[in-house]
Amino acid sequence: MRAYGVVWVATAVVFLGLDAVWLSFSASRLYRPLLGGLLRDGFLLAPAVLFYLIYTIGIVFFAISPEFASGRWAAAGLRGAFLGLFGYAVYDLTNQATLRDWPLAVTVADLVWGTLLTAVAATAGLLVPGTALVYAEQGAFVYRQVKGAAADSFRYESVPVKPLARTGSAWLVDGLHGTDQVVVQGAGVLWSLQGISSFSAAEEEHD
């Protein structure tokens, strides 16, 4: 449960932070000019807090949780995108169907933003197998595969990460992207080939 709590906090921070930036930019440029008298001068705190609480829990439950054990965060991002599209569509299309003069521009903007925002929030953390982590004095690292100079070539590069919480034999970490191809077996060997003495998380557990 602790791991899910960490995931929720990371998801909520990303979601609220990005949404605050969006609203501060779009309120005077999009919503107030088009919605006019429908908007309050300010906002009611309790409903706003309730929305963010319910919605971010929904992201964890519907988008992140199904991929939590596998670590397939690209899939979690896709689930988040669909959740955002469906969730924001319920609100905007209902308004489009029932309210007079509801602007189509607001509906389109909300659908695009809700889809992108929820997808990004769903990939706020990454779960990687313990054998993928290597440790050194500088902190924890993983290796990811990246394309080389030639079309069919690739290479490996170390990426610093921050372990947040452990679940089973895997770790929730910060510092990766959903599309990163992480080396699961042999990370310690790659690290040693760089001339740096280190060991993997699995080796640490058996010492």
N, C-alpha and C. Protein backbone atom coordinates (compact mmCIF):
# COMPACT_ATOMS: atom_id res chain seq x y z
N MET A 1 0.82 -1.21 0.00
CA MET A 1 0.00 0.00 0.00
C MET A 1 0.86 1.26 0.00
N ARG A 2 2.02 1.17 0.67
CA ARG A 2 2.90 2.35 0.70
C ARG A 2 3.32 2.75 -0.70
N ALA A 3 3.60 1.73 -1.56
CA ALA A 3 4.01 2.03 -2.93
C ALA A 3 2.90 2.76 -3.68
N TYR A 4 1.65 2.33 -3.48
CA TYR A 4 0.54 2.99 -4.14
C TYR A 4 0.36 4.41 -3.61
N GLY A 5 0.63 4.61 -2.32
CA GLY A 5 0.56 5.96 -1.77
C GLY A 5 1.58 6.88 -2.40
N VAL A 6 2.80 6.36 -2.60
CA VAL A 6 3.84 7.16 -3.25
C VAL A 6 3.44 7.47 -4.69
N VAL A 7 2.87 6.48 -5.38
CA VAL A 7 2.42 6.69 -6.76
C VAL A 7 1.34 7.77 -6.81
N TRP A 8 0.40 7.70 -5.86
CA TRP A 8 -0.68 8.70 -5.86
C TRP A 8 -0.13 10.10 -5.63
N VAL A 9 0.80 10.24 -4.70
CA VAL A 9 1.38 11.56 -4.43
C VAL A 9 2.08 12.08 -5.68
N ALA A 10 2.89 11.23 -6.33
CA ALA A 10 3.59 11.65 -7.54
C ALA A 10 2.60 12.04 -8.63
N THR A 11 1.55 11.25 -8.79
CA THR A 11 0.53 11.53 -9.80
C THR A 11 -0.19 12.83 -9.50
N ALA A 12 -0.58 13.04 -8.24
CA ALA A 12 -1.31 14.25 -7.86
C ALA A 12 -0.46 15.50 -8.04
N VAL A 13 0.81 15.42 -7.66
CA VAL A 13 1.69 16.58 -7.79
C VAL A 13 1.84 16.98 -9.26
N VAL A 14 2.06 15.99 -10.12
CA VAL A 14 2.20 16.28 -11.55
C VAL A 14 0.90 16.82 -12.13
N PHE A 15 -0.21 16.17 -11.80
CA PHE A 15 -1.51 16.58 -12.34
C PHE A 15 -1.87 18.00 -11.91
N LEU A 16 -1.78 18.27 -10.60
CA LEU A 16 -2.14 19.59 -10.10
C LEU A 16 -1.19 20.67 -10.62
N GLY A 17 0.09 20.35 -10.67
CA GLY A 17 1.06 21.34 -11.14
C GLY A 17 0.82 21.75 -12.57
N LEU A 18 0.65 20.75 -13.44
CA LEU A 18 0.42 21.05 -14.86
C LEU A 18 -0.93 21.72 -15.08
N ASP A 19 -1.94 21.26 -14.35
CA ASP A 19 -3.27 21.86 -14.53
C ASP A 19 -3.30 23.31 -14.05
N ALA A 20 -2.54 23.60 -13.00
CA ALA A 20 -2.46 24.99 -12.52
C ALA A 20 -1.84 25.90 -13.57
N VAL A 21 -0.80 25.38 -14.24
CA VAL A 21 -0.17 26.16 -15.31
C VAL A 21 -1.15 26.39 -16.44
N TRP A 22 -1.87 25.33 -16.83
CA TRP A 22 -2.84 25.43 -17.92
C TRP A 22 -3.94 26.43 -17.59
N LEU A 23 -4.49 26.34 -16.38
CA LEU A 23 -5.60 27.22 -16.02
C LEU A 23 -5.15 28.68 -15.91
N SER A 24 -3.95 28.90 -15.40
CA SER A 24 -3.46 30.27 -15.30
C SER A 24 -3.24 30.88 -16.69
N PHE A 25 -2.93 30.01 -17.66
CA PHE A 25 -2.72 30.50 -19.03
C PHE A 25 -4.04 30.67 -19.77
N SER A 26 -4.96 29.72 -19.60
CA SER A 26 -6.16 29.69 -20.44
C SER A 26 -7.37 30.40 -19.85
N ALA A 27 -7.36 30.70 -18.56
CA ALA A 27 -8.55 31.29 -17.95
C ALA A 27 -8.92 32.61 -18.61
N SER A 28 -7.95 33.50 -18.78
CA SER A 28 -8.23 34.82 -19.36
C SER A 28 -8.24 34.80 -20.89
N ARG A 29 -7.66 33.77 -21.49
CA ARG A 29 -7.55 33.71 -22.94
C ARG A 29 -8.63 32.85 -23.60
N LEU A 30 -9.17 31.89 -22.84
CA LEU A 30 -10.12 30.95 -23.43
C LEU A 30 -11.44 30.91 -22.66
N TYR A 31 -11.38 30.54 -21.41
CA TYR A 31 -12.61 30.26 -20.67
C TYR A 31 -13.43 31.52 -20.38
N ARG A 32 -12.81 32.56 -19.85
CA ARG A 32 -13.59 33.75 -19.49
C ARG A 32 -14.15 34.48 -20.72
N PRO A 33 -13.37 34.65 -21.79
CA PRO A 33 -13.96 35.32 -22.98
C PRO A 33 -15.11 34.53 -23.59
N LEU A 34 -15.04 33.18 -23.55
CA LEU A 34 -16.06 32.37 -24.23
C LEU A 34 -17.22 31.98 -23.32
N LEU A 35 -16.96 31.82 -22.03
CA LEU A 35 -18.02 31.38 -21.13
C LEU A 35 -18.67 32.54 -20.38
N GLY A 36 -17.97 33.67 -20.31
CA GLY A 36 -18.57 34.89 -19.78
C GLY A 36 -19.21 34.73 -18.42
N GLY A 37 -20.53 34.99 -18.36
CA GLY A 37 -21.25 35.03 -17.11
C GLY A 37 -21.41 33.69 -16.42
N LEU A 38 -21.05 32.59 -17.07
CA LEU A 38 -21.17 31.28 -16.44
C LEU A 38 -20.11 31.07 -15.35
N LEU A 39 -19.04 31.84 -15.41
CA LEU A 39 -17.93 31.62 -14.49
C LEU A 39 -18.04 32.50 -13.24
N ARG A 40 -17.62 31.95 -12.11
CA ARG A 40 -17.49 32.74 -10.89
C ARG A 40 -16.26 33.63 -10.99
N ASP A 41 -16.22 34.65 -10.14
CA ASP A 41 -15.02 35.48 -10.06
C ASP A 41 -13.84 34.69 -9.50
N GLY A 42 -14.13 33.81 -8.54
CA GLY A 42 -13.12 32.91 -8.01
C GLY A 42 -13.58 31.48 -8.20
N PHE A 43 -13.23 30.58 -7.25
CA PHE A 43 -13.72 29.21 -7.33
C PHE A 43 -13.97 28.70 -5.92
N LEU A 44 -14.85 27.71 -5.81
CA LEU A 44 -15.15 27.09 -4.52
C LEU A 44 -14.10 26.03 -4.23
N LEU A 45 -13.45 26.13 -3.09
CA LEU A 45 -12.32 25.27 -2.77
C LEU A 45 -12.74 23.81 -2.58
N ALA A 46 -13.80 23.56 -1.86
CA ALA A 46 -14.18 22.19 -1.52
C ALA A 46 -14.46 21.33 -2.76
N PRO A 47 -15.30 21.79 -3.71
CA PRO A 47 -15.51 20.96 -4.91
C PRO A 47 -14.24 20.76 -5.72
N ALA A 48 -13.37 21.79 -5.76
CA ALA A 48 -12.12 21.66 -6.51
C ALA A 48 -11.22 20.60 -5.89
N VAL A 49 -11.09 20.63 -4.56
CA VAL A 49 -10.27 19.63 -3.86
C VAL A 49 -10.85 18.23 -4.07
N LEU A 50 -12.17 18.12 -3.99
CA LEU A 50 -12.83 16.83 -4.17
C LEU A 50 -12.60 16.28 -5.57
N PHE A 51 -12.68 17.15 -6.58
CA PHE A 51 -12.42 16.70 -7.95
C PHE A 51 -11.00 16.16 -8.10
N TYR A 52 -10.00 16.93 -7.66
CA TYR A 52 -8.61 16.50 -7.82
C TYR A 52 -8.34 15.22 -7.04
N LEU A 53 -8.93 15.08 -5.87
CA LEU A 53 -8.75 13.87 -5.07
C LEU A 53 -9.34 12.66 -5.79
N ILE A 54 -10.58 12.77 -6.23
CA ILE A 54 -11.25 11.65 -6.89
C ILE A 54 -10.57 11.31 -8.22
N TYR A 55 -10.23 12.33 -8.98
CA TYR A 55 -9.69 12.09 -10.32
C TYR A 55 -8.30 11.47 -10.26
N THR A 56 -7.44 11.94 -9.35
CA THR A 56 -6.10 11.38 -9.27
C THR A 56 -6.12 9.95 -8.72
N ILE A 57 -7.04 9.67 -7.80
CA ILE A 57 -7.22 8.29 -7.35
C ILE A 57 -7.68 7.43 -8.53
N GLY A 58 -8.56 7.98 -9.37
CA GLY A 58 -9.01 7.26 -10.56
C GLY A 58 -7.86 6.96 -11.51
N ILE A 59 -6.92 7.89 -11.66
CA ILE A 59 -5.76 7.65 -12.53
C ILE A 59 -4.94 6.48 -12.01
N VAL A 60 -4.70 6.48 -10.69
CA VAL A 60 -3.93 5.38 -10.10
C VAL A 60 -4.66 4.06 -10.27
N PHE A 61 -5.97 4.05 -10.01
CA PHE A 61 -6.74 2.80 -10.04
C PHE A 61 -6.92 2.27 -11.46
N PHE A 62 -7.30 3.14 -12.40
CA PHE A 62 -7.66 2.67 -13.73
C PHE A 62 -6.50 2.65 -14.72
N ALA A 63 -5.52 3.54 -14.55
CA ALA A 63 -4.43 3.65 -15.52
C ALA A 63 -3.13 3.03 -15.04
N ILE A 64 -2.76 3.29 -13.78
CA ILE A 64 -1.46 2.85 -13.28
C ILE A 64 -1.52 1.45 -12.69
N SER A 65 -2.52 1.17 -11.86
CA SER A 65 -2.59 -0.10 -11.14
C SER A 65 -2.55 -1.33 -12.06
N PRO A 66 -3.25 -1.35 -13.21
CA PRO A 66 -3.18 -2.54 -14.06
C PRO A 66 -1.79 -2.84 -14.61
N GLU A 67 -0.92 -1.82 -14.67
CA GLU A 67 0.44 -2.01 -15.20
C GLU A 67 1.50 -1.94 -14.10
N PHE A 68 1.06 -1.92 -12.84
CA PHE A 68 1.99 -1.67 -11.73
C PHE A 68 3.04 -2.77 -11.61
N ALA A 69 2.60 -4.03 -11.67
CA ALA A 69 3.53 -5.14 -11.49
C ALA A 69 4.43 -5.35 -12.70
N SER A 70 3.91 -5.08 -13.90
CA SER A 70 4.69 -5.32 -15.12
C SER A 70 5.67 -4.20 -15.41
N GLY A 71 5.39 -2.99 -14.90
CA GLY A 71 6.25 -1.85 -15.19
C GLY A 71 6.09 -1.29 -16.58
N ARG A 72 5.01 -1.66 -17.29
CA ARG A 72 4.80 -1.16 -18.66
C ARG A 72 4.13 0.21 -18.59
N TRP A 73 4.97 1.24 -18.37
CA TRP A 73 4.41 2.57 -18.14
C TRP A 73 4.01 3.28 -19.41
N ALA A 74 4.48 2.78 -20.55
CA ALA A 74 3.93 3.30 -21.80
C ALA A 74 2.46 2.90 -21.91
N ALA A 75 2.16 1.66 -21.48
CA ALA A 75 0.77 1.20 -21.47
C ALA A 75 -0.04 1.98 -20.45
N ALA A 76 0.56 2.30 -19.30
CA ALA A 76 -0.14 3.12 -18.31
C ALA A 76 -0.46 4.50 -18.87
N GLY A 77 0.48 5.06 -19.63
CA GLY A 77 0.23 6.35 -20.26
C GLY A 77 -0.91 6.29 -21.26
N LEU A 78 -0.99 5.17 -22.01
CA LEU A 78 -2.08 5.01 -22.97
C LEU A 78 -3.41 4.88 -22.25
N ARG A 79 -3.42 4.11 -21.17
CA ARG A 79 -4.64 4.01 -20.37
C ARG A 79 -5.04 5.38 -19.82
N GLY A 80 -4.03 6.14 -19.37
CA GLY A 80 -4.31 7.47 -18.87
C GLY A 80 -4.89 8.38 -19.93
N ALA A 81 -4.38 8.26 -21.15
CA ALA A 81 -4.89 9.09 -22.25
C ALA A 81 -6.37 8.80 -22.50
N PHE A 82 -6.72 7.52 -22.53
CA PHE A 82 -8.13 7.17 -22.74
C PHE A 82 -8.99 7.60 -21.57
N LEU A 83 -8.48 7.44 -20.34
CA LEU A 83 -9.23 7.89 -19.18
C LEU A 83 -9.48 9.39 -19.24
N GLY A 84 -8.45 10.15 -19.62
CA GLY A 84 -8.61 11.60 -19.73
C GLY A 84 -9.62 11.98 -20.80
N LEU A 85 -9.54 11.29 -21.94
CA LEU A 85 -10.49 11.57 -23.02
C LEU A 85 -11.91 11.29 -22.58
N PHE A 86 -12.12 10.13 -21.96
CA PHE A 86 -13.47 9.75 -21.53
C PHE A 86 -13.98 10.67 -20.43
N GLY A 87 -13.12 10.95 -19.44
CA GLY A 87 -13.55 11.76 -18.30
C GLY A 87 -13.91 13.18 -18.70
N TYR A 88 -13.05 13.80 -19.48
CA TYR A 88 -13.32 15.17 -19.90
C TYR A 88 -14.46 15.23 -20.93
N ALA A 89 -14.63 14.15 -21.70
CA ALA A 89 -15.73 14.12 -22.67
C ALA A 89 -17.09 14.09 -21.97
N VAL A 90 -17.17 13.38 -20.84
CA VAL A 90 -18.43 13.33 -20.09
C VAL A 90 -18.87 14.74 -19.72
N TYR A 91 -17.93 15.52 -19.20
CA TYR A 91 -18.27 16.88 -18.77
C TYR A 91 -18.59 17.79 -19.96
N ASP A 92 -17.68 17.85 -20.91
CA ASP A 92 -17.83 18.83 -21.99
C ASP A 92 -18.95 18.49 -22.96
N LEU A 93 -19.08 17.24 -23.31
CA LEU A 93 -20.13 16.87 -24.26
C LEU A 93 -21.51 16.94 -23.62
N THR A 94 -21.60 16.69 -22.32
CA THR A 94 -22.87 16.90 -21.62
C THR A 94 -23.26 18.38 -21.66
N ASN A 95 -22.27 19.25 -21.40
CA ASN A 95 -22.54 20.68 -21.49
C ASN A 95 -22.90 21.09 -22.92
N GLN A 96 -22.21 20.51 -23.88
CA GLN A 96 -22.48 20.81 -25.29
C GLN A 96 -23.91 20.44 -25.66
N ALA A 97 -24.40 19.36 -25.06
CA ALA A 97 -25.73 18.86 -25.41
C ALA A 97 -26.84 19.57 -24.64
N THR A 98 -26.56 20.13 -23.47
CA THR A 98 -27.64 20.63 -22.62
C THR A 98 -27.63 22.14 -22.39
N LEU A 99 -26.50 22.80 -22.59
CA LEU A 99 -26.42 24.23 -22.31
C LEU A 99 -26.49 25.05 -23.60
N ARG A 100 -27.16 26.20 -23.50
CA ARG A 100 -27.22 27.08 -24.65
C ARG A 100 -25.85 27.72 -24.91
N ASP A 101 -25.47 27.75 -26.16
CA ASP A 101 -24.27 28.48 -26.60
C ASP A 101 -22.99 27.99 -25.94
N TRP A 102 -22.91 26.68 -25.61
CA TRP A 102 -21.65 26.17 -25.09
C TRP A 102 -20.62 26.14 -26.23
N PRO A 103 -19.48 26.79 -26.09
CA PRO A 103 -18.54 26.93 -27.21
C PRO A 103 -17.86 25.61 -27.58
N LEU A 104 -17.85 25.33 -28.86
CA LEU A 104 -17.17 24.13 -29.35
C LEU A 104 -15.67 24.22 -29.06
N ALA A 105 -15.11 25.41 -29.10
CA ALA A 105 -13.67 25.59 -28.85
C ALA A 105 -13.29 25.13 -27.45
N VAL A 106 -14.17 25.38 -26.47
CA VAL A 106 -13.89 24.94 -25.11
C VAL A 106 -13.91 23.42 -25.03
N THR A 107 -14.86 22.80 -25.70
CA THR A 107 -14.93 21.34 -25.70
C THR A 107 -13.68 20.72 -26.31
N VAL A 108 -13.27 21.22 -27.46
CA VAL A 108 -12.08 20.69 -28.13
C VAL A 108 -10.83 20.89 -27.27
N ALA A 109 -10.68 22.08 -26.72
CA ALA A 109 -9.51 22.37 -25.87
C ALA A 109 -9.48 21.47 -24.64
N ASP A 110 -10.63 21.29 -24.01
CA ASP A 110 -10.70 20.44 -22.82
C ASP A 110 -10.37 18.98 -23.14
N LEU A 111 -10.90 18.48 -24.25
CA LEU A 111 -10.65 17.08 -24.61
C LEU A 111 -9.16 16.84 -24.88
N VAL A 112 -8.56 17.75 -25.61
CA VAL A 112 -7.12 17.61 -25.90
C VAL A 112 -6.30 17.71 -24.63
N TRP A 113 -6.61 18.72 -23.81
CA TRP A 113 -5.84 18.91 -22.59
C TRP A 113 -6.05 17.76 -21.61
N GLY A 114 -7.28 17.33 -21.43
CA GLY A 114 -7.55 16.23 -20.50
C GLY A 114 -6.85 14.95 -20.90
N THR A 115 -6.80 14.68 -22.21
CA THR A 115 -6.13 13.48 -22.71
C THR A 115 -4.63 13.55 -22.43
N LEU A 116 -4.00 14.67 -22.78
CA LEU A 116 -2.56 14.81 -22.58
C LEU A 116 -2.20 14.85 -21.09
N LEU A 117 -2.94 15.61 -20.32
CA LEU A 117 -2.64 15.77 -18.91
C LEU A 117 -2.72 14.45 -18.16
N THR A 118 -3.77 13.69 -18.40
CA THR A 118 -3.95 12.43 -17.69
C THR A 118 -2.90 11.41 -18.12
N ALA A 119 -2.53 11.41 -19.39
CA ALA A 119 -1.48 10.51 -19.86
C ALA A 119 -0.15 10.80 -19.19
N VAL A 120 0.20 12.08 -19.09
CA VAL A 120 1.46 12.46 -18.45
C VAL A 120 1.43 12.12 -16.96
N ALA A 121 0.32 12.40 -16.29
CA ALA A 121 0.22 12.11 -14.87
C ALA A 121 0.31 10.61 -14.59
N ALA A 122 -0.18 9.80 -15.51
CA ALA A 122 -0.15 8.34 -15.33
C ALA A 122 1.25 7.76 -15.46
N THR A 123 2.16 8.53 -16.05
CA THR A 123 3.54 8.05 -16.19
C THR A 123 4.49 8.83 -15.29
N ALA A 124 3.97 9.35 -14.17
CA ALA A 124 4.79 10.16 -13.28
C ALA A 124 5.85 9.33 -12.57
N GLY A 125 5.61 8.06 -12.37
CA GLY A 125 6.58 7.18 -11.73
C GLY A 125 6.82 5.96 -12.59
N LEU A 126 7.90 5.23 -12.34
CA LEU A 126 8.23 4.03 -13.09
C LEU A 126 8.60 2.91 -12.14
N LEU A 127 8.13 1.70 -12.45
CA LEU A 127 8.46 0.53 -11.67
C LEU A 127 9.46 -0.31 -12.45
N VAL A 128 10.61 -0.61 -11.86
CA VAL A 128 11.63 -1.39 -12.55
C VAL A 128 12.03 -2.57 -11.67
N PRO A 129 12.42 -3.71 -12.26
CA PRO A 129 12.88 -4.86 -11.47
C PRO A 129 14.11 -4.50 -10.66
N GLY A 130 14.25 -5.13 -9.49
CA GLY A 130 15.39 -4.85 -8.63
C GLY A 130 16.72 -5.17 -9.29
N THR A 131 16.74 -6.17 -10.19
CA THR A 131 17.99 -6.54 -10.86
C THR A 131 18.46 -5.48 -11.84
N ALA A 132 17.60 -4.54 -12.19
CA ALA A 132 17.99 -3.48 -13.14
C ALA A 132 18.74 -2.35 -12.45
N LEU A 133 18.65 -2.27 -11.12
CA LEU A 133 19.27 -1.18 -10.39
C LEU A 133 20.71 -1.51 -10.02
N VAL A 134 21.59 -0.55 -10.18
CA VAL A 134 22.97 -0.66 -9.69
C VAL A 134 23.22 0.53 -8.78
N TYR A 135 24.11 0.33 -7.82
CA TYR A 135 24.35 1.35 -6.82
C TYR A 135 25.83 1.73 -6.79
N ALA A 136 26.08 3.00 -6.62
CA ALA A 136 27.44 3.51 -6.49
C ALA A 136 27.41 4.66 -5.48
N GLU A 137 28.55 5.26 -5.24
CA GLU A 137 28.61 6.36 -4.29
C GLU A 137 27.74 7.54 -4.74
N GLN A 138 27.58 7.66 -6.07
CA GLN A 138 26.80 8.78 -6.60
C GLN A 138 25.30 8.56 -6.46
N GLY A 139 24.87 7.32 -6.15
CA GLY A 139 23.45 7.02 -6.04
C GLY A 139 23.07 5.80 -6.84
N ALA A 140 21.79 5.67 -7.17
CA ALA A 140 21.27 4.53 -7.92
C ALA A 140 21.20 4.86 -9.41
N PHE A 141 21.44 3.82 -10.24
CA PHE A 141 21.42 3.98 -11.69
C PHE A 141 20.73 2.79 -12.33
N VAL A 142 20.23 2.99 -13.54
CA VAL A 142 19.82 1.90 -14.41
C VAL A 142 20.46 2.14 -15.78
N TYR A 143 20.46 1.09 -16.59
CA TYR A 143 20.91 1.24 -17.97
C TYR A 143 19.71 1.17 -18.90
N ARG A 144 19.74 2.02 -19.90
CA ARG A 144 18.70 1.97 -20.92
C ARG A 144 19.35 1.85 -22.30
N GLN A 145 18.62 1.24 -23.21
CA GLN A 145 19.10 1.06 -24.58
C GLN A 145 18.69 2.26 -25.42
N VAL A 146 19.65 2.83 -26.14
CA VAL A 146 19.38 3.97 -27.01
C VAL A 146 19.93 3.69 -28.39
N LYS A 147 19.38 4.34 -29.38
CA LYS A 147 19.83 4.14 -30.75
C LYS A 147 21.23 4.69 -30.95
N GLY A 148 22.01 3.94 -31.76
CA GLY A 148 23.35 4.40 -32.09
C GLY A 148 23.36 5.27 -33.33
N ALA A 149 24.56 5.56 -33.82
CA ALA A 149 24.69 6.43 -34.99
C ALA A 149 24.15 5.75 -36.24
N ALA A 150 24.43 4.46 -36.39
CA ALA A 150 23.91 3.73 -37.55
C ALA A 150 22.44 3.37 -37.34
N ALA A 151 21.77 3.10 -38.45
CA ALA A 151 20.33 2.87 -38.39
C ALA A 151 19.96 1.66 -37.53
N ASP A 152 20.74 0.58 -37.64
CA ASP A 152 20.40 -0.66 -36.93
C ASP A 152 21.23 -0.87 -35.67
N SER A 153 21.97 0.13 -35.23
CA SER A 153 22.84 -0.04 -34.08
C SER A 153 22.21 0.56 -32.82
N PHE A 154 22.70 0.13 -31.68
CA PHE A 154 22.24 0.69 -30.42
C PHE A 154 23.39 0.63 -29.41
N ARG A 155 23.23 1.34 -28.33
CA ARG A 155 24.21 1.36 -27.26
C ARG A 155 23.47 1.48 -25.93
N TYR A 156 24.22 1.34 -24.85
CA TYR A 156 23.63 1.44 -23.53
C TYR A 156 24.20 2.66 -22.80
N GLU A 157 23.35 3.34 -22.06
CA GLU A 157 23.80 4.47 -21.27
C GLU A 157 23.21 4.40 -19.87
N SER A 158 23.99 4.83 -18.90
CA SER A 158 23.52 4.82 -17.52
C SER A 158 22.67 6.06 -17.24
N VAL A 159 21.64 5.86 -16.44
CA VAL A 159 20.71 6.94 -16.10
C VAL A 159 20.54 6.98 -14.59
N PRO A 160 20.81 8.12 -13.95
CA PRO A 160 20.57 8.20 -12.50
C PRO A 160 19.08 8.19 -12.19
N VAL A 161 18.68 7.42 -11.18
CA VAL A 161 17.28 7.34 -10.78
C VAL A 161 17.19 7.47 -9.27
N LYS A 162 16.00 7.77 -8.80
CA LYS A 162 15.74 7.89 -7.37
C LYS A 162 14.73 6.83 -6.95
N PRO A 163 15.17 5.78 -6.23
CA PRO A 163 14.21 4.78 -5.74
C PRO A 163 13.24 5.42 -4.75
N LEU A 164 11.94 5.20 -4.97
CA LEU A 164 10.93 5.81 -4.12
C LEU A 164 10.30 4.81 -3.15
N ALA A 165 9.93 3.63 -3.66
CA ALA A 165 9.30 2.63 -2.82
C ALA A 165 9.44 1.27 -3.48
N ARG A 166 9.46 0.24 -2.65
CA ARG A 166 9.62 -1.12 -3.15
C ARG A 166 8.29 -1.84 -3.14
N THR A 167 8.02 -2.61 -4.19
CA THR A 167 6.85 -3.46 -4.23
C THR A 167 7.28 -4.81 -4.79
N GLY A 168 7.25 -5.83 -3.96
CA GLY A 168 7.75 -7.14 -4.37
C GLY A 168 9.24 -7.08 -4.66
N SER A 169 9.63 -7.58 -5.82
CA SER A 169 11.03 -7.56 -6.22
C SER A 169 11.37 -6.36 -7.10
N ALA A 170 10.44 -5.42 -7.22
CA ALA A 170 10.64 -4.26 -8.09
C ALA A 170 10.65 -2.98 -7.27
N TRP A 171 11.08 -1.91 -7.93
CA TRP A 171 11.17 -0.60 -7.28
C TRP A 171 10.43 0.44 -8.10
N LEU A 172 9.69 1.28 -7.42
CA LEU A 172 9.14 2.48 -8.04
C LEU A 172 10.24 3.52 -8.02
N VAL A 173 10.60 4.05 -9.20
CA VAL A 173 11.70 5.00 -9.28
C VAL A 173 11.26 6.25 -10.02
N ASP A 174 12.00 7.31 -9.79
CA ASP A 174 11.80 8.56 -10.51
C ASP A 174 13.04 8.83 -11.34
N GLY A 175 12.86 9.33 -12.56
CA GLY A 175 14.00 9.66 -13.39
C GLY A 175 13.99 9.01 -14.75
N LEU A 176 12.95 8.19 -15.04
CA LEU A 176 12.83 7.53 -16.33
C LEU A 176 11.61 8.02 -17.07
N HIS A 177 11.55 7.70 -18.35
CA HIS A 177 10.39 8.01 -19.17
C HIS A 177 9.68 6.70 -19.53
N GLY A 178 8.41 6.80 -19.87
CA GLY A 178 7.63 5.62 -20.16
C GLY A 178 8.13 4.81 -21.33
N THR A 179 8.86 5.42 -22.25
CA THR A 179 9.35 4.71 -23.43
C THR A 179 10.76 4.16 -23.26
N ASP A 180 11.41 4.39 -22.12
CA ASP A 180 12.78 3.91 -21.91
C ASP A 180 12.82 2.38 -21.91
N GLN A 181 13.79 1.82 -22.61
CA GLN A 181 14.01 0.38 -22.61
C GLN A 181 15.12 0.07 -21.61
N VAL A 182 14.71 -0.39 -20.43
CA VAL A 182 15.65 -0.59 -19.33
C VAL A 182 16.25 -1.99 -19.41
N VAL A 183 17.56 -2.08 -19.16
CA VAL A 183 18.26 -3.36 -19.12
C VAL A 183 17.95 -4.02 -17.78
N VAL A 184 17.33 -5.20 -17.82
CA VAL A 184 16.94 -5.89 -16.60
C VAL A 184 18.04 -6.83 -16.11
N GLN A 185 18.60 -7.63 -17.02
CA GLN A 185 19.68 -8.55 -16.67
C GLN A 185 21.00 -8.04 -17.25
N GLY A 186 22.04 -8.04 -16.43
CA GLY A 186 23.36 -7.64 -16.91
C GLY A 186 23.70 -6.19 -16.64
N ALA A 187 22.86 -5.47 -15.88
CA ALA A 187 23.16 -4.06 -15.61
C ALA A 187 24.44 -3.93 -14.80
N GLY A 188 24.65 -4.85 -13.83
CA GLY A 188 25.87 -4.80 -13.03
C GLY A 188 27.12 -5.03 -13.86
N VAL A 189 27.01 -5.91 -14.87
CA VAL A 189 28.14 -6.17 -15.76
C VAL A 189 28.47 -4.93 -16.58
N LEU A 190 27.44 -4.28 -17.11
CA LEU A 190 27.67 -3.06 -17.89
C LEU A 190 28.32 -1.99 -17.03
N TRP A 191 27.87 -1.87 -15.79
CA TRP A 191 28.45 -0.87 -14.88
C TRP A 191 29.92 -1.18 -14.61
N SER A 192 30.23 -2.47 -14.39
CA SER A 192 31.60 -2.85 -14.11
C SER A 192 32.51 -2.61 -15.30
N LEU A 193 31.98 -2.77 -16.51
CA LEU A 193 32.78 -2.54 -17.72
C LEU A 193 33.20 -1.09 -17.85
N GLN A 194 32.51 -0.21 -17.15
CA GLN A 194 32.91 1.20 -17.16
C GLN A 194 34.08 1.46 -16.21
N GLY A 195 34.51 0.41 -15.51
CA GLY A 195 35.63 0.57 -14.60
C GLY A 195 35.21 1.03 -13.22
N ILE A 196 33.89 0.96 -12.93
CA ILE A 196 33.39 1.39 -11.63
C ILE A 196 32.91 0.16 -10.88
N SER A 197 33.43 -0.06 -9.69
CA SER A 197 33.02 -1.21 -8.90
C SER A 197 31.63 -0.97 -8.33
N SER A 198 30.72 -1.88 -8.64
CA SER A 198 29.36 -1.71 -8.16
C SER A 198 28.71 -3.07 -8.08
N PHE A 199 27.43 -3.10 -7.73
CA PHE A 199 26.70 -4.36 -7.64
C PHE A 199 25.23 -4.05 -7.85
N SER A 200 24.48 -5.10 -8.21
CA SER A 200 23.06 -4.91 -8.48
C SER A 200 22.27 -5.03 -7.20
N ALA A 201 21.00 -4.65 -7.27
CA ALA A 201 20.13 -4.75 -6.11
C ALA A 201 19.97 -6.19 -5.67
N ALA A 202 19.91 -7.11 -6.63
CA ALA A 202 19.75 -8.53 -6.32
C ALA A 202 20.97 -9.04 -5.57
N GLU A 203 22.17 -8.62 -5.97
CA GLU A 203 23.39 -9.03 -5.30
C GLU A 203 23.44 -8.47 -3.89
N GLU A 204 22.96 -7.25 -3.74
CA GLU A 204 22.95 -6.62 -2.43
C GLU A 204 22.09 -7.40 -1.45
N GLU A 205 21.00 -7.95 -1.91
CA GLU A 205 20.08 -8.65 -1.05
C GLU A 205 20.66 -9.98 -0.57
N HIS A 206 21.56 -10.58 -1.36
CA HIS A 206 22.09 -11.88 -1.01
C HIS A 206 23.42 -11.82 -0.30
N ASP A 207 24.00 -10.60 -0.15
CA ASP A 207 25.27 -10.46 0.55
C ASP A 207 25.08 -10.61 2.06
